[in-house]
Amino acid sequence: MLAARYVGARTITVEELEPAEPRAWEVQVAVAYVGICGTDLHVFHGDMDGRVDKPATIGHEMSGTIAALGAGVEGWSVGDAVTVMPLAWDGTCPACRAGNEHICQNLDFIGIDSPGALQEYWNVPASALVRLPAALPLRDAALVEPVAVAVHDVRRSGLAAGDKAVVIGAGPIGVLIALVAASSGAEVVIAEIDPTRRAAAQEMGLTTLDPSTADQVAWVERWTDGAGADVVFEVSGSAAAVLGATSLAKVRGTLVVVAIHSQPRPVDLHRVFWRELRLLGARVYQRQDFERAVELVAEGAVPAEKIVTGVVPLGEVASAFGVLEAGQAMKLLVEVSAS
């Protein structure tokens, strides 16, 4: 089988490997499509070499069909369409014992800490499988994992129908958060300085503002009749955005930190105190988020044809990283099965 392998900073090779038989309680998935995300880019840049064992097959946004069952696996059949919730937890740490397995203190993020989906045949724990509707195209289903991230972020925020939300950053996750929030009946605006990303969001029917040319605080105050937003999602990763985010939230509003900030950021704690704001982190997802994400993609609430801006074969996976680095695509998929 063919597999893409990260071997060092900015270097990915495609090699022929012998597929392994699935072990007990594992399932072998014939991978169809794999999405490349910002975390994969961090790996590609060498920023996660302390965590990734080289050579590494990465990738965790995927769709495929079951090719083989390991001993003891029940409830699944060869040919079933699936995606994978790429989390494996130990079940024994304090977080797991408290019911927060998805943020296990010893979490194995499959596709980063252990082998991922950029290979023709991928063995995963049967417990990680999520069933896909037979009518859902596998190309669209590769978006389920990032949509699950957005579902978790929105659910954790407590956003309700009729609420108003500001999403800072119109990258893939920011756009998906806005779409999920809108599907729940909330009113949403995305703050984004990049005109290409604003245009892409507008094509999906989303309202945007440009904080580099408009006073976003004044804009949000007009939009909310002076109250401020019920929820603000920080998805940009920008220090300036974090500092300004608290000014957009209403009294007892919520700021959700979604972006991964690699270093400490200044936060306006006086504003947090003055307005009794709630500051939350939101990371990965739980099974209910994946199941809701499958529904949203299948219903068309997430316009897959507009989110996915290109598909490349597995043999050209390195070029896809270059395109994403240059900011020339919203979401690229790697077609594995046809390679």
C-alpha atoms as a PDB file:
ATOM      1  CA  MET A   1       0.000   0.000   0.000  1.00  0.00           C
ATOM      2  CA  LEU A   2       1.025   3.636  -0.390  1.00  0.00           C
ATOM      3  CA  ALA A   3       1.542   5.807   2.694  1.00  0.00           C
ATOM      4  CA  ALA A   4       2.626   9.414   3.144  1.00  0.00           C
ATOM      5  CA  ARG A   5       5.313   9.756   5.810  1.00  0.00           C
ATOM      6  CA  TYR A   6       6.599  12.852   7.566  1.00  0.00           C
ATOM      7  CA  VAL A   7      10.385  12.395   7.820  1.00  0.00           C
ATOM      8  CA  GLY A   8      11.541  15.847   8.904  1.00  0.00           C
ATOM      9  CA  ALA A   9      10.725  19.552   8.719  1.00  0.00           C
ATOM     10  CA  ARG A  10       8.969  20.352   5.412  1.00  0.00           C
ATOM     11  CA  THR A  11       9.612  16.868   4.069  1.00  0.00           C
ATOM     12  CA  ILE A  12       6.953  14.273   3.329  1.00  0.00           C
ATOM     13  CA  THR A  13       7.630  11.187   1.250  1.00  0.00           C
ATOM     14  CA  VAL A  14       5.227   8.682  -0.281  1.00  0.00           C
ATOM     15  CA  GLU A  15       6.377   5.106   0.225  1.00  0.00           C
ATOM     16  CA  GLU A  16       5.199   1.579  -0.471  1.00  0.00           C
ATOM     17  CA  LEU A  17       4.527  -0.275   2.781  1.00  0.00           C
ATOM     18  CA  GLU A  18       3.126  -3.692   3.639  1.00  0.00           C
ATOM     19  CA  PRO A  19      -0.297  -3.339   5.301  1.00  0.00           C
ATOM     20  CA  ALA A  20      -0.592  -4.960   8.723  1.00  0.00           C
ATOM     21  CA  GLU A  21      -3.490  -7.201   9.672  1.00  0.00           C
ATOM     22  CA  PRO A  22      -5.840  -5.633  12.233  1.00  0.00           C
ATOM     23  CA  ARG A  23      -5.243  -6.890  15.754  1.00  0.00           C
ATOM     24  CA  ALA A  24      -7.952  -7.956  18.192  1.00  0.00           C
ATOM     25  CA  TRP A  25     -10.533  -5.193  18.696  1.00  0.00           C
ATOM     26  CA  GLU A  26      -9.161  -3.282  15.712  1.00  0.00           C
ATOM     27  CA  VAL A  27     -10.696  -2.532  12.325  1.00  0.00           C
ATOM     28  CA  GLN A  28      -8.826  -1.991   9.063  1.00  0.00           C
ATOM     29  CA  VAL A  29     -10.204   0.984   7.142  1.00  0.00           C
ATOM     30  CA  ALA A  30      -9.696   1.504   3.426  1.00  0.00           C
ATOM     31  CA  VAL A  31      -9.119   5.256   3.530  1.00  0.00           C
ATOM     32  CA  ALA A  32     -10.944   7.317   0.899  1.00  0.00           C
ATOM     33  CA  TYR A  33     -10.205  10.969   1.706  1.00  0.00           C
ATOM     34  CA  VAL A  34      -8.070  12.795   4.274  1.00  0.00           C
ATOM     35  CA  GLY A  35      -8.300  16.497   5.093  1.00  0.00           C
ATOM     36  CA  ILE A  36      -5.202  18.505   5.982  1.00  0.00           C
ATOM     37  CA  CYS A  37      -5.576  20.896   8.911  1.00  0.00           C
ATOM     38  CA  GLY A  38      -3.559  23.483  10.789  1.00  0.00           C
ATOM     39  CA  THR A  39      -2.198  20.880  13.206  1.00  0.00           C
ATOM     40  CA  ASP A  40      -0.884  18.857  10.262  1.00  0.00           C
ATOM     41  CA  LEU A  41       0.832  22.022   9.034  1.00  0.00           C
ATOM     42  CA  HIS A  42       2.478  22.432  12.450  1.00  0.00           C
ATOM     43  CA  VAL A  43       3.787  18.873  12.127  1.00  0.00           C
ATOM     44  CA  PHE A  44       4.988  19.565   8.572  1.00  0.00           C
ATOM     45  CA  HIS A  45       6.887  22.642   9.770  1.00  0.00           C
ATOM     46  CA  GLY A  46       8.718  20.586  12.388  1.00  0.00           C
ATOM     47  CA  ASP A  47       7.054  22.407  15.279  1.00  0.00           C
ATOM     48  CA  MET A  48       5.864  19.155  16.868  1.00  0.00           C
ATOM     49  CA  ASP A  49       9.008  17.046  16.489  1.00  0.00           C
ATOM     50  CA  GLY A  50       9.141  16.600  20.243  1.00  0.00           C
ATOM     51  CA  ARG A  51       5.824  14.782  20.061  1.00  0.00           C
ATOM     52  CA  VAL A  52       5.857  13.041  16.673  1.00  0.00           C
ATOM     53  CA  ASP A  53       7.987   9.936  16.154  1.00  0.00           C
ATOM     54  CA  LYS A  54       9.610  10.049  12.698  1.00  0.00           C
ATOM     55  CA  PRO A  55       8.924   8.674  10.183  1.00  0.00           C
ATOM     56  CA  ALA A  56       5.276   9.392  10.912  1.00  0.00           C
ATOM     57  CA  THR A  57       2.095   8.814   8.969  1.00  0.00           C
ATOM     58  CA  ILE A  58      -0.152  11.679  10.019  1.00  0.00           C
ATOM     59  CA  GLY A  59      -3.724  12.715   9.192  1.00  0.00           C
ATOM     60  CA  HIS A  60      -6.908  12.500  11.256  1.00  0.00           C
ATOM     61  CA  GLU A  61      -9.710  14.155   9.226  1.00  0.00           C
ATOM     62  CA  MET A  62     -10.926  11.266   7.099  1.00  0.00           C
ATOM     63  CA  SER A  63     -13.550   9.033   5.587  1.00  0.00           C
ATOM     64  CA  GLY A  64     -13.415   5.476   4.306  1.00  0.00           C
ATOM     65  CA  THR A  65     -14.923   2.011   4.369  1.00  0.00           C
ATOM     66  CA  ILE A  66     -14.183  -1.029   6.517  1.00  0.00           C
ATOM     67  CA  ALA A  67     -11.842  -3.463   4.762  1.00  0.00           C
ATOM     68  CA  ALA A  68     -11.265  -6.049   7.513  1.00  0.00           C
ATOM     69  CA  LEU A  69     -12.258  -6.825  11.096  1.00  0.00           C
ATOM     70  CA  GLY A  70      -9.944  -7.915  13.873  1.00  0.00           C
ATOM     71  CA  ALA A  71     -10.871 -10.625  16.340  1.00  0.00           C
ATOM     72  CA  GLY A  72     -13.608  -9.701  18.807  1.00  0.00           C
ATOM     73  CA  VAL A  73     -15.063  -6.822  16.773  1.00  0.00           C
ATOM     74  CA  GLU A  74     -18.865  -6.824  16.721  1.00  0.00           C
ATOM     75  CA  GLY A  75     -21.464  -4.506  15.243  1.00  0.00           C
ATOM     76  CA  TRP A  76     -19.475  -3.668  12.118  1.00  0.00           C
ATOM     77  CA  SER A  77     -19.250  -5.225   8.665  1.00  0.00           C
ATOM     78  CA  VAL A  78     -16.821  -5.039   5.782  1.00  0.00           C
ATOM     79  CA  GLY A  79     -17.974  -2.262   3.470  1.00  0.00           C
ATOM     80  CA  ASP A  80     -19.497  -0.037   6.171  1.00  0.00           C
ATOM     81  CA  ALA A  81     -18.815   3.660   5.579  1.00  0.00           C
ATOM     82  CA  VAL A  82     -17.039   5.209   8.556  1.00  0.00           C
ATOM     83  CA  THR A  83     -15.047   8.063   9.911  1.00  0.00           C
ATOM     84  CA  VAL A  84     -12.811   7.962  12.983  1.00  0.00           C
ATOM     85  CA  MET A  85     -12.921   9.982  16.193  1.00  0.00           C
ATOM     86  CA  PRO A  86      -9.129   9.988  16.595  1.00  0.00           C
ATOM     87  CA  LEU A  87      -8.862   9.929  20.381  1.00  0.00           C
ATOM     88  CA  ALA A  88      -7.611   7.116  22.602  1.00  0.00           C
ATOM     89  CA  TRP A  89      -7.619   7.681  26.349  1.00  0.00           C
ATOM     90  CA  ASP A  90      -6.250   5.659  29.252  1.00  0.00           C
ATOM     91  CA  GLY A  91      -9.428   5.628  31.345  1.00  0.00           C
ATOM     92  CA  THR A  92      -7.448   5.894  34.572  1.00  0.00           C
ATOM     93  CA  CYS A  93      -6.204   9.488  34.883  1.00  0.00           C
ATOM     94  CA  PRO A  94      -8.086  12.094  36.971  1.00  0.00           C
ATOM     95  CA  ALA A  95      -9.646  13.653  33.843  1.00  0.00           C
ATOM     96  CA  CYS A  96     -10.965  10.294  32.629  1.00  0.00           C
ATOM     97  CA  ARG A  97     -12.270   9.355  36.053  1.00  0.00           C
ATOM     98  CA  ALA A  98     -14.169  12.661  36.112  1.00  0.00           C
ATOM     99  CA  GLY A  99     -15.845  11.807  32.789  1.00  0.00           C
ATOM    100  CA  ASN A 100     -13.616  13.986  30.602  1.00  0.00           C
ATOM    101  CA  GLU A 101     -11.977  11.219  28.582  1.00  0.00           C
ATOM    102  CA  HIS A 102     -11.687  13.421  25.478  1.00  0.00           C
ATOM    103  CA  ILE A 103      -9.080  15.527  27.290  1.00  0.00           C
ATOM    104  CA  CYS A 104      -7.375  12.633  29.024  1.00  0.00           C
ATOM    105  CA  GLN A 105      -4.155  13.705  30.687  1.00  0.00           C
ATOM    106  CA  ASN A 106      -2.369  10.959  28.728  1.00  0.00           C
ATOM    107  CA  LEU A 107      -4.351  11.337  25.515  1.00  0.00           C
ATOM    108  CA  ASP A 108      -3.236   9.564  22.358  1.00  0.00           C
ATOM    109  CA  PHE A 109      -4.361  11.787  19.504  1.00  0.00           C
ATOM    110  CA  ILE A 110      -4.428   9.255  16.690  1.00  0.00           C
ATOM    111  CA  GLY A 111      -2.746  10.691  13.630  1.00  0.00           C
ATOM    112  CA  ILE A 112      -0.276  12.712  15.706  1.00  0.00           C
ATOM    113  CA  ASP A 113       0.813  10.593  18.660  1.00  0.00           C
ATOM    114  CA  SER A 114       0.226   7.351  16.747  1.00  0.00           C
ATOM    115  CA  PRO A 115      -0.131   6.485  13.039  1.00  0.00           C
ATOM    116  CA  GLY A 116      -2.756   8.385  11.064  1.00  0.00           C
ATOM    117  CA  ALA A 117      -4.900   8.204   7.963  1.00  0.00           C
ATOM    118  CA  LEU A 118      -2.571   9.216   5.113  1.00  0.00           C
ATOM    119  CA  GLN A 119      -2.223   5.584   4.028  1.00  0.00           C
ATOM    120  CA  GLU A 120      -4.368   3.286   1.937  1.00  0.00           C
ATOM    121  CA  TYR A 121      -5.163   0.919   4.810  1.00  0.00           C
ATOM    122  CA  TRP A 122      -5.356   2.186   8.377  1.00  0.00           C
ATOM    123  CA  ASN A 123      -5.838   0.042  11.481  1.00  0.00           C
ATOM    124  CA  VAL A 124      -7.731   1.768  14.296  1.00  0.00           C
ATOM    125  CA  PRO A 125      -9.533   0.702  17.476  1.00  0.00           C
ATOM    126  CA  ALA A 126     -13.102  -0.308  16.663  1.00  0.00           C
ATOM    127  CA  SER A 127     -14.176   1.948  19.538  1.00  0.00           C
ATOM    128  CA  ALA A 128     -13.002   4.984  17.536  1.00  0.00           C
ATOM    129  CA  LEU A 129     -15.320   4.340  14.573  1.00  0.00           C
ATOM    130  CA  VAL A 130     -18.266   6.601  13.815  1.00  0.00           C
ATOM    131  CA  ARG A 131     -20.860   5.332  11.363  1.00  0.00           C
ATOM    132  CA  LEU A 132     -21.649   7.334   8.230  1.00  0.00           C
ATOM    133  CA  PRO A 133     -24.952   7.308   6.329  1.00  0.00           C
ATOM    134  CA  ALA A 134     -24.652   5.225   3.169  1.00  0.00           C
ATOM    135  CA  ALA A 135     -25.947   8.150   1.091  1.00  0.00           C
ATOM    136  CA  LEU A 136     -23.310  10.601   2.351  1.00  0.00           C
ATOM    137  CA  PRO A 137     -20.505  11.022  -0.218  1.00  0.00           C
ATOM    138  CA  LEU A 138     -17.156  10.057   1.296  1.00  0.00           C
ATOM    139  CA  ARG A 139     -15.642  13.268  -0.092  1.00  0.00           C
ATOM    140  CA  ASP A 140     -18.070  15.316   2.024  1.00  0.00           C
ATOM    141  CA  ALA A 141     -17.719  12.987   5.011  1.00  0.00           C
ATOM    142  CA  ALA A 142     -14.030  13.858   5.334  1.00  0.00           C
ATOM    143  CA  LEU A 143     -15.258  17.147   6.864  1.00  0.00           C
ATOM    144  CA  VAL A 144     -16.944  15.460   9.817  1.00  0.00           C
ATOM    145  CA  GLU A 145     -13.922  15.736  12.141  1.00  0.00           C
ATOM    146  CA  PRO A 146     -13.447  19.523  11.788  1.00  0.00           C
ATOM    147  CA  VAL A 147     -17.209  20.022  11.963  1.00  0.00           C
ATOM    148  CA  ALA A 148     -17.160  18.038  15.225  1.00  0.00           C
ATOM    149  CA  VAL A 149     -14.587  20.518  16.548  1.00  0.00           C
ATOM    150  CA  ALA A 150     -16.997  23.347  15.738  1.00  0.00           C
ATOM    151  CA  VAL A 151     -19.969  21.514  17.258  1.00  0.00           C
ATOM    152  CA  HIS A 152     -18.016  21.001  20.486  1.00  0.00           C
ATOM    153  CA  ASP A 153     -16.963  24.667  20.595  1.00  0.00           C
ATOM    154  CA  VAL A 154     -20.522  25.895  20.118  1.00  0.00           C
ATOM    155  CA  ARG A 155     -21.983  23.395  22.568  1.00  0.00           C
ATOM    156  CA  ARG A 156     -19.408  24.262  25.221  1.00  0.00           C
ATOM    157  CA  SER A 157     -20.160  27.967  24.825  1.00  0.00           C
ATOM    158  CA  GLY A 158     -23.808  27.542  25.800  1.00  0.00           C
ATOM    159  CA  LEU A 159     -24.919  29.518  22.737  1.00  0.00           C
ATOM    160  CA  ALA A 160     -28.709  29.444  22.308  1.00  0.00           C
ATOM    161  CA  ALA A 161     -31.143  30.224  19.514  1.00  0.00           C
ATOM    162  CA  GLY A 162     -31.548  34.001  19.206  1.00  0.00           C
ATOM    163  CA  ASP A 163     -28.137  34.732  20.756  1.00  0.00           C
ATOM    164  CA  LYS A 164     -25.553  36.827  18.947  1.00  0.00           C
ATOM    165  CA  ALA A 165     -22.040  35.518  18.427  1.00  0.00           C
ATOM    166  CA  VAL A 166     -18.807  37.002  17.119  1.00  0.00           C
ATOM    167  CA  VAL A 167     -16.289  34.631  15.552  1.00  0.00           C
ATOM    168  CA  ILE A 168     -12.781  36.092  15.316  1.00  0.00           C
ATOM    169  CA  GLY A 169     -11.037  34.501  12.341  1.00  0.00           C
ATOM    170  CA  ALA A 170     -12.470  33.075   9.099  1.00  0.00           C
ATOM    171  CA  GLY A 171     -10.171  30.107   8.653  1.00  0.00           C
ATOM    172  CA  PRO A 172     -11.765  26.665   8.246  1.00  0.00           C
ATOM    173  CA  ILE A 173     -12.641  26.215  11.931  1.00  0.00           C
ATOM    174  CA  GLY A 174     -13.889  29.785  12.299  1.00  0.00           C
ATOM    175  CA  VAL A 175     -16.193  29.376   9.301  1.00  0.00           C
ATOM    176  CA  LEU A 176     -17.424  26.013  10.586  1.00  0.00           C
ATOM    177  CA  ILE A 177     -18.146  27.486  14.031  1.00  0.00           C
ATOM    178  CA  ALA A 178     -20.148  30.253  12.362  1.00  0.00           C
ATOM    179  CA  LEU A 179     -22.104  27.732  10.273  1.00  0.00           C
ATOM    180  CA  VAL A 180     -22.812  25.485  13.267  1.00  0.00           C
ATOM    181  CA  ALA A 181     -23.848  28.481  15.371  1.00  0.00           C
ATOM    182  CA  ALA A 182     -26.149  29.718  12.616  1.00  0.00           C
ATOM    183  CA  SER A 183     -27.688  26.248  12.263  1.00  0.00           C
ATOM    184  CA  SER A 184     -28.638  26.421  15.952  1.00  0.00           C
ATOM    185  CA  GLY A 185     -30.572  29.652  15.411  1.00  0.00           C
ATOM    186  CA  ALA A 186     -27.957  32.152  16.548  1.00  0.00           C
ATOM    187  CA  GLU A 187     -27.027  35.352  14.698  1.00  0.00           C
ATOM    188  CA  VAL A 188     -23.345  35.379  13.754  1.00  0.00           C
ATOM    189  CA  VAL A 189     -20.714  37.743  12.426  1.00  0.00           C
ATOM    190  CA  ILE A 190     -17.128  36.815  11.541  1.00  0.00           C
ATOM    191  CA  ALA A 191     -14.332  39.356  12.111  1.00  0.00           C
ATOM    192  CA  GLU A 192     -11.569  38.754   9.562  1.00  0.00           C
ATOM    193  CA  ILE A 193      -8.885  41.017   8.095  1.00  0.00           C
ATOM    194  CA  ASP A 194      -8.085  38.859   5.060  1.00  0.00           C
ATOM    195  CA  PRO A 195     -10.313  39.805   2.082  1.00  0.00           C
ATOM    196  CA  THR A 196     -10.105  36.372   0.454  1.00  0.00           C
ATOM    197  CA  ARG A 197     -11.311  34.654   3.606  1.00  0.00           C
ATOM    198  CA  ARG A 198     -14.056  37.239   4.086  1.00  0.00           C
ATOM    199  CA  ALA A 199     -15.238  36.662   0.534  1.00  0.00           C
ATOM    200  CA  ALA A 200     -15.285  32.882   1.064  1.00  0.00           C
ATOM    201  CA  ALA A 201     -17.366  33.287   4.227  1.00  0.00           C
ATOM    202  CA  GLN A 202     -19.771  35.619   2.457  1.00  0.00           C
ATOM    203  CA  GLU A 203     -20.193  33.038  -0.322  1.00  0.00           C
ATOM    204  CA  MET A 204     -21.556  30.724   2.372  1.00  0.00           C
ATOM    205  CA  GLY A 205     -24.117  33.307   3.446  1.00  0.00           C
ATOM    206  CA  LEU A 206     -22.192  34.524   6.504  1.00  0.00           C
ATOM    207  CA  THR A 207     -21.943  38.129   7.664  1.00  0.00           C
ATOM    208  CA  THR A 208     -18.410  39.495   8.002  1.00  0.00           C
ATOM    209  CA  LEU A 209     -16.647  42.622   9.177  1.00  0.00           C
ATOM    210  CA  ASP A 210     -13.117  43.872   8.589  1.00  0.00           C
ATOM    211  CA  PRO A 211     -11.563  44.951  11.912  1.00  0.00           C
ATOM    212  CA  SER A 212      -8.685  46.622  10.055  1.00  0.00           C
ATOM    213  CA  THR A 213     -11.036  49.207   8.538  1.00  0.00           C
ATOM    214  CA  ALA A 214     -14.034  49.204  10.887  1.00  0.00           C
ATOM    215  CA  ASP A 215     -14.265  49.809  14.629  1.00  0.00           C
ATOM    216  CA  GLN A 216     -15.362  46.318  15.600  1.00  0.00           C
ATOM    217  CA  VAL A 217     -16.388  47.335  19.113  1.00  0.00           C
ATOM    218  CA  ALA A 218     -18.669  50.053  17.741  1.00  0.00           C
ATOM    219  CA  TRP A 219     -19.987  47.652  15.064  1.00  0.00           C
ATOM    220  CA  VAL A 220     -20.885  44.995  17.643  1.00  0.00           C
ATOM    221  CA  GLU A 221     -22.475  47.571  19.948  1.00  0.00           C
ATOM    222  CA  ARG A 222     -24.721  48.799  17.115  1.00  0.00           C
ATOM    223  CA  TRP A 223     -25.559  45.203  16.160  1.00  0.00           C
ATOM    224  CA  THR A 224     -26.495  44.297  19.736  1.00  0.00           C
ATOM    225  CA  ASP A 225     -28.196  47.577  20.718  1.00  0.00           C
ATOM    226  CA  GLY A 226     -25.336  48.407  23.047  1.00  0.00           C
ATOM    227  CA  ALA A 227     -25.285  45.103  24.931  1.00  0.00           C
ATOM    228  CA  GLY A 228     -22.344  43.240  23.362  1.00  0.00           C
ATOM    229  CA  ALA A 229     -22.227  39.689  22.004  1.00  0.00           C
ATOM    230  CA  ASP A 230     -23.517  36.756  23.993  1.00  0.00           C
ATOM    231  CA  VAL A 231     -20.515  34.664  22.903  1.00  0.00           C
ATOM    232  CA  VAL A 232     -17.155  35.544  21.343  1.00  0.00           C
ATOM    233  CA  PHE A 233     -15.095  32.754  19.762  1.00  0.00           C
ATOM    234  CA  GLU A 234     -11.361  33.487  19.421  1.00  0.00           C
ATOM    235  CA  VAL A 235     -10.206  31.363  16.492  1.00  0.00           C
ATOM    236  CA  SER A 236      -7.518  33.556  14.915  1.00  0.00           C
ATOM    237  CA  GLY A 237      -4.552  32.821  17.181  1.00  0.00           C
ATOM    238  CA  SER A 238      -3.675  36.524  17.124  1.00  0.00           C
ATOM    239  CA  ALA A 239      -2.424  38.281  20.264  1.00  0.00           C
ATOM    240  CA  ALA A 240      -4.255  41.479  19.266  1.00  0.00           C
ATOM    241  CA  ALA A 241      -7.480  39.526  18.800  1.00  0.00           C
ATOM    242  CA  VAL A 242      -7.232  37.997  22.270  1.00  0.00           C
ATOM    243  CA  LEU A 243      -6.627  41.395  23.840  1.00  0.00           C
ATOM    244  CA  GLY A 244      -9.609  42.929  22.057  1.00  0.00           C
ATOM    245  CA  ALA A 245     -12.011  40.018  22.382  1.00  0.00           C
ATOM    246  CA  THR A 246     -13.243  40.859  25.871  1.00  0.00           C
ATOM    247  CA  SER A 247     -14.458  44.251  24.608  1.00  0.00           C
ATOM    248  CA  LEU A 248     -16.946  42.521  22.322  1.00  0.00           C
ATOM    249  CA  ALA A 249     -18.795  40.494  24.965  1.00  0.00           C
ATOM    250  CA  LYS A 250     -21.886  41.518  26.874  1.00  0.00           C
ATOM    251  CA  VAL A 251     -22.245  41.590  30.659  1.00  0.00           C
ATOM    252  CA  ARG A 252     -21.889  37.959  31.752  1.00  0.00           C
ATOM    253  CA  GLY A 253     -21.012  37.029  28.190  1.00  0.00           C
ATOM    254  CA  THR A 254     -18.658  34.213  27.249  1.00  0.00           C
ATOM    255  CA  LEU A 255     -15.270  34.213  25.541  1.00  0.00           C
ATOM    256  CA  VAL A 256     -14.296  30.831  24.096  1.00  0.00           C
ATOM    257  CA  VAL A 257     -10.630  30.300  23.258  1.00  0.00           C
ATOM    258  CA  VAL A 258     -10.498  27.905  20.310  1.00  0.00           C
ATOM    259  CA  ALA A 259      -7.191  28.793  18.641  1.00  0.00           C
ATOM    260  CA  ILE A 260      -3.985  27.165  19.825  1.00  0.00           C
ATOM    261  CA  HIS A 261      -1.765  29.888  21.276  1.00  0.00           C
ATOM    262  CA  SER A 262       1.810  28.661  21.518  1.00  0.00           C
ATOM    263  CA  GLN A 263       2.782  31.318  24.054  1.00  0.00           C
ATOM    264  CA  PRO A 264       1.057  33.335  26.810  1.00  0.00           C
ATOM    265  CA  ARG A 265      -1.101  36.240  25.619  1.00  0.00           C
ATOM    266  CA  PRO A 266      -2.154  39.464  27.340  1.00  0.00           C
ATOM    267  CA  VAL A 267      -5.832  39.384  28.382  1.00  0.00           C
ATOM    268  CA  ASP A 268      -7.892  42.354  29.566  1.00  0.00           C
ATOM    269  CA  LEU A 269      -8.727  40.932  32.971  1.00  0.00           C
ATOM    270  CA  HIS A 270     -10.246  44.213  34.117  1.00  0.00           C
ATOM    271  CA  ARG A 271     -12.920  43.749  31.461  1.00  0.00           C
ATOM    272  CA  VAL A 272     -13.396  40.150  32.592  1.00  0.00           C
ATOM    273  CA  PHE A 273     -13.893  41.412  36.150  1.00  0.00           C
ATOM    274  CA  TRP A 274     -16.008  44.449  35.238  1.00  0.00           C
ATOM    275  CA  ARG A 275     -18.502  42.565  33.107  1.00  0.00           C
ATOM    276  CA  GLU A 276     -18.330  39.248  34.957  1.00  0.00           C
ATOM    277  CA  LEU A 277     -17.270  37.494  31.784  1.00  0.00           C
ATOM    278  CA  ARG A 278     -16.816  33.761  31.465  1.00  0.00           C
ATOM    279  CA  LEU A 279     -13.549  32.614  29.878  1.00  0.00           C
ATOM    280  CA  LEU A 280     -13.572  29.066  28.467  1.00  0.00           C
ATOM    281  CA  GLY A 281     -11.195  26.796  26.632  1.00  0.00           C
ATOM    282  CA  ALA A 282     -12.556  24.382  24.041  1.00  0.00           C
ATOM    283  CA  ARG A 283     -10.510  21.455  22.763  1.00  0.00           C
ATOM    284  CA  VAL A 284     -11.277  18.522  20.456  1.00  0.00           C
ATOM    285  CA  TYR A 285     -14.698  16.817  20.853  1.00  0.00           C
ATOM    286  CA  GLN A 286     -16.804  14.081  22.344  1.00  0.00           C
ATOM    287  CA  ARG A 287     -18.793  11.365  20.587  1.00  0.00           C
ATOM    288  CA  GLN A 288     -22.022  13.340  20.672  1.00  0.00           C
ATOM    289  CA  ASP A 289     -20.215  16.125  18.802  1.00  0.00           C
ATOM    290  CA  PHE A 290     -19.138  13.672  16.089  1.00  0.00           C
ATOM    291  CA  GLU A 291     -22.637  12.278  15.747  1.00  0.00           C
ATOM    292  CA  ARG A 292     -24.112  15.777  15.419  1.00  0.00           C
ATOM    293  CA  ALA A 293     -21.409  16.673  12.905  1.00  0.00           C
ATOM    294  CA  VAL A 294     -22.394  13.694  10.745  1.00  0.00           C
ATOM    295  CA  GLU A 295     -25.994  14.965  10.782  1.00  0.00           C
ATOM    296  CA  LEU A 296     -25.003  18.529   9.838  1.00  0.00           C
ATOM    297  CA  VAL A 297     -22.845  17.404   6.918  1.00  0.00           C
ATOM    298  CA  ALA A 298     -25.507  14.968   5.709  1.00  0.00           C
ATOM    299  CA  GLU A 299     -28.222  17.648   5.958  1.00  0.00           C
ATOM    300  CA  GLY A 300     -26.184  20.134   3.934  1.00  0.00           C
ATOM    301  CA  ALA A 301     -25.991  22.643   6.816  1.00  0.00           C
ATOM    302  CA  VAL A 302     -22.253  22.636   6.083  1.00  0.00           C
ATOM    303  CA  PRO A 303     -21.755  23.409   2.367  1.00  0.00           C
ATOM    304  CA  ALA A 304     -19.037  20.860   1.648  1.00  0.00           C
ATOM    305  CA  GLU A 305     -18.673  21.964  -1.973  1.00  0.00           C
ATOM    306  CA  LYS A 306     -17.654  25.449  -0.784  1.00  0.00           C
ATOM    307  CA  ILE A 307     -15.508  24.372   2.167  1.00  0.00           C
ATOM    308  CA  VAL A 308     -13.457  21.897   0.104  1.00  0.00           C
ATOM    309  CA  THR A 309     -11.492  23.986  -2.374  1.00  0.00           C
ATOM    310  CA  GLY A 310      -9.327  21.234  -3.854  1.00  0.00           C
ATOM    311  CA  VAL A 311      -8.534  17.519  -3.936  1.00  0.00           C
ATOM    312  CA  VAL A 312      -5.089  16.053  -4.642  1.00  0.00           C
ATOM    313  CA  PRO A 313      -3.973  12.426  -5.014  1.00  0.00           C
ATOM    314  CA  LEU A 314      -1.882  10.843  -2.279  1.00  0.00           C
ATOM    315  CA  GLY A 315       1.195  10.931  -4.495  1.00  0.00           C
ATOM    316  CA  GLU A 316       1.028  14.746  -4.551  1.00  0.00           C
ATOM    317  CA  VAL A 317       0.380  15.263  -0.839  1.00  0.00           C
ATOM    318  CA  ALA A 318       3.501  17.424  -0.366  1.00  0.00           C
ATOM    319  CA  SER A 319       2.133  19.975  -2.842  1.00  0.00           C
ATOM    320  CA  ALA A 320      -1.040  20.282  -0.788  1.00  0.00           C
ATOM    321  CA  PHE A 321       0.944  21.445   2.232  1.00  0.00           C
ATOM    322  CA  GLY A 322       2.551  24.130   0.080  1.00  0.00           C
ATOM    323  CA  VAL A 323      -0.820  25.390  -1.127  1.00  0.00           C
ATOM    324  CA  LEU A 324      -2.160  25.595   2.423  1.00  0.00           C
ATOM    325  CA  GLU A 325       0.996  27.331   3.644  1.00  0.00           C
ATOM    326  CA  ALA A 326       0.432  30.011   1.025  1.00  0.00           C
ATOM    327  CA  GLY A 327      -3.155  30.524   2.175  1.00  0.00           C
ATOM    328  CA  GLN A 328      -4.519  29.551  -1.228  1.00  0.00           C
ATOM    329  CA  ALA A 329      -7.232  27.144  -0.066  1.00  0.00           C
ATOM    330  CA  MET A 330      -9.918  26.860   2.599  1.00  0.00           C
ATOM    331  CA  LYS A 331      -9.699  23.062   2.884  1.00  0.00           C
ATOM    332  CA  LEU A 332      -7.737  20.566   0.806  1.00  0.00           C
ATOM    333  CA  LEU A 333      -8.457  16.859   0.734  1.00  0.00           C
ATOM    334  CA  VAL A 334      -6.066  14.093  -0.187  1.00  0.00           C
ATOM    335  CA  GLU A 335      -7.725  11.343  -2.219  1.00  0.00           C
ATOM    336  CA  VAL A 336      -6.141   8.172  -0.937  1.00  0.00           C
ATOM    337  CA  SER A 337      -8.219   5.370  -2.426  1.00  0.00           C
ATOM    338  CA  ALA A 338      -7.596   6.335  -6.081  1.00  0.00           C
ATOM    339  CA  SER A 339      -3.831   6.712  -5.712  1.00  0.00           C
END
